[in-house]
Amino acid sequence: MVRAGLGIAVMPQLSLDLAADDPDLTTHPVPLSPREIWLAWPAHQTLSPLAQLFRTLTTTLAAELDPS
């Protein structure tokens, strides 16, 4: 809708799919405080090996990005 000239949008950076040299759109960061993203899984269920790997990789990467 933005590309069609129907207004502006506020959206997460990860959802943008723009070429760096896009002649039709510009982006501007909005200074907001960081948000928390949570992982959830059933409390009384064993996770599959793939789900366990995903949990491990996600928490490891998050700790590297923000050690606090």
C-alpha atoms as a PDB file:
ATOM      1  CA  MET A   1       0.000   0.000   0.000  1.00  0.00           C
ATOM      2  CA  VAL A   2       2.905   2.334   0.693  1.00  0.00           C
ATOM      3  CA  ARG A   3       4.422   1.648  -2.716  1.00  0.00           C
ATOM      4  CA  ALA A   4       1.020   2.456  -4.263  1.00  0.00           C
ATOM      5  CA  GLY A   5       1.064   5.861  -2.557  1.00  0.00           C
ATOM      6  CA  LEU A   6      -1.708   5.143  -0.059  1.00  0.00           C
ATOM      7  CA  GLY A   7       0.176   6.298   3.030  1.00  0.00           C
ATOM      8  CA  ILE A   8       2.992   5.279   5.328  1.00  0.00           C
ATOM      9  CA  ALA A   9       3.622   2.175   7.418  1.00  0.00           C
ATOM     10  CA  VAL A  10       5.278   1.319  10.707  1.00  0.00           C
ATOM     11  CA  MET A  11       6.733  -2.163  10.527  1.00  0.00           C
ATOM     12  CA  PRO A  12       9.603  -4.229  11.904  1.00  0.00           C
ATOM     13  CA  GLN A  13      12.870  -4.059  10.006  1.00  0.00           C
ATOM     14  CA  LEU A  14      12.883  -7.825   9.532  1.00  0.00           C
ATOM     15  CA  SER A  15       9.696  -7.597   7.471  1.00  0.00           C
ATOM     16  CA  LEU A  16      11.149  -5.118   4.980  1.00  0.00           C
ATOM     17  CA  ASP A  17      12.210  -6.483   1.619  1.00  0.00           C
ATOM     18  CA  LEU A  18      13.763  -3.467  -0.060  1.00  0.00           C
ATOM     19  CA  ALA A  19      16.747  -3.092  -2.322  1.00  0.00           C
ATOM     20  CA  ALA A  20      19.269  -0.592  -0.974  1.00  0.00           C
ATOM     21  CA  ASP A  21      18.786   1.556  -4.082  1.00  0.00           C
ATOM     22  CA  ASP A  22      14.966   1.359  -4.266  1.00  0.00           C
ATOM     23  CA  PRO A  23      13.945   4.589  -6.050  1.00  0.00           C
ATOM     24  CA  ASP A  24      10.342   4.499  -4.835  1.00  0.00           C
ATOM     25  CA  LEU A  25      10.626   4.017  -1.067  1.00  0.00           C
ATOM     26  CA  THR A  26      12.714   5.335   1.765  1.00  0.00           C
ATOM     27  CA  THR A  27      12.935   4.023   5.296  1.00  0.00           C
ATOM     28  CA  HIS A  28      13.611   5.856   8.521  1.00  0.00           C
ATOM     29  CA  PRO A  29      14.302   4.189  11.861  1.00  0.00           C
ATOM     30  CA  VAL A  30      11.871   4.921  14.673  1.00  0.00           C
ATOM     31  CA  PRO A  31      13.746   5.089  17.990  1.00  0.00           C
ATOM     32  CA  LEU A  32      11.791   2.675  20.148  1.00  0.00           C
ATOM     33  CA  SER A  33      13.076   0.672  23.063  1.00  0.00           C
ATOM     34  CA  PRO A  34      13.947  -2.946  22.270  1.00  0.00           C
ATOM     35  CA  ARG A  35      11.230  -5.506  22.708  1.00  0.00           C
ATOM     36  CA  GLU A  36      11.386  -8.903  24.306  1.00  0.00           C
ATOM     37  CA  ILE A  37      10.781 -12.021  22.251  1.00  0.00           C
ATOM     38  CA  TRP A  38       9.897 -15.201  24.109  1.00  0.00           C
ATOM     39  CA  LEU A  39      10.111 -18.877  23.237  1.00  0.00           C
ATOM     40  CA  ALA A  40       7.288 -21.095  24.456  1.00  0.00           C
ATOM     41  CA  TRP A  41       6.841 -24.850  24.502  1.00  0.00           C
ATOM     42  CA  PRO A  42       4.601 -27.326  26.315  1.00  0.00           C
ATOM     43  CA  ALA A  43       5.723 -27.694  29.940  1.00  0.00           C
ATOM     44  CA  HIS A  44       5.032 -31.407  30.259  1.00  0.00           C
ATOM     45  CA  GLN A  45       6.201 -32.587  26.867  1.00  0.00           C
ATOM     46  CA  THR A  46       9.631 -33.672  25.694  1.00  0.00           C
ATOM     47  CA  LEU A  47      10.889 -31.551  22.817  1.00  0.00           C
ATOM     48  CA  SER A  48      11.988 -33.225  19.613  1.00  0.00           C
ATOM     49  CA  PRO A  49      15.728 -33.127  18.875  1.00  0.00           C
ATOM     50  CA  LEU A  50      15.105 -30.451  16.236  1.00  0.00           C
ATOM     51  CA  ALA A  51      13.098 -28.310  18.662  1.00  0.00           C
ATOM     52  CA  GLN A  52      15.828 -28.711  21.294  1.00  0.00           C
ATOM     53  CA  LEU A  53      18.456 -27.595  18.745  1.00  0.00           C
ATOM     54  CA  PHE A  54      16.318 -24.600  17.759  1.00  0.00           C
ATOM     55  CA  ARG A  55      15.940 -23.595  21.422  1.00  0.00           C
ATOM     56  CA  THR A  56      19.684 -23.937  22.029  1.00  0.00           C
ATOM     57  CA  LEU A  57      20.686 -21.992  18.909  1.00  0.00           C
ATOM     58  CA  THR A  58      18.131 -19.254  19.560  1.00  0.00           C
ATOM     59  CA  THR A  59      19.133 -18.670  23.158  1.00  0.00           C
ATOM     60  CA  THR A  60      22.837 -18.830  22.286  1.00  0.00           C
ATOM     61  CA  LEU A  61      22.473 -16.272  19.499  1.00  0.00           C
ATOM     62  CA  ALA A  62      20.359 -13.996  21.685  1.00  0.00           C
ATOM     63  CA  ALA A  63      22.996 -14.104  24.427  1.00  0.00           C
ATOM     64  CA  GLU A  64      25.697 -13.176  21.907  1.00  0.00           C
ATOM     65  CA  LEU A  65      23.648 -10.243  20.596  1.00  0.00           C
ATOM     66  CA  ASP A  66      22.754  -8.919  24.049  1.00  0.00           C
ATOM     67  CA  PRO A  67      24.825 -10.411  26.896  1.00  0.00           C
ATOM     68  CA  SER A  68      22.692  -8.639  29.523  1.00  0.00           C
END
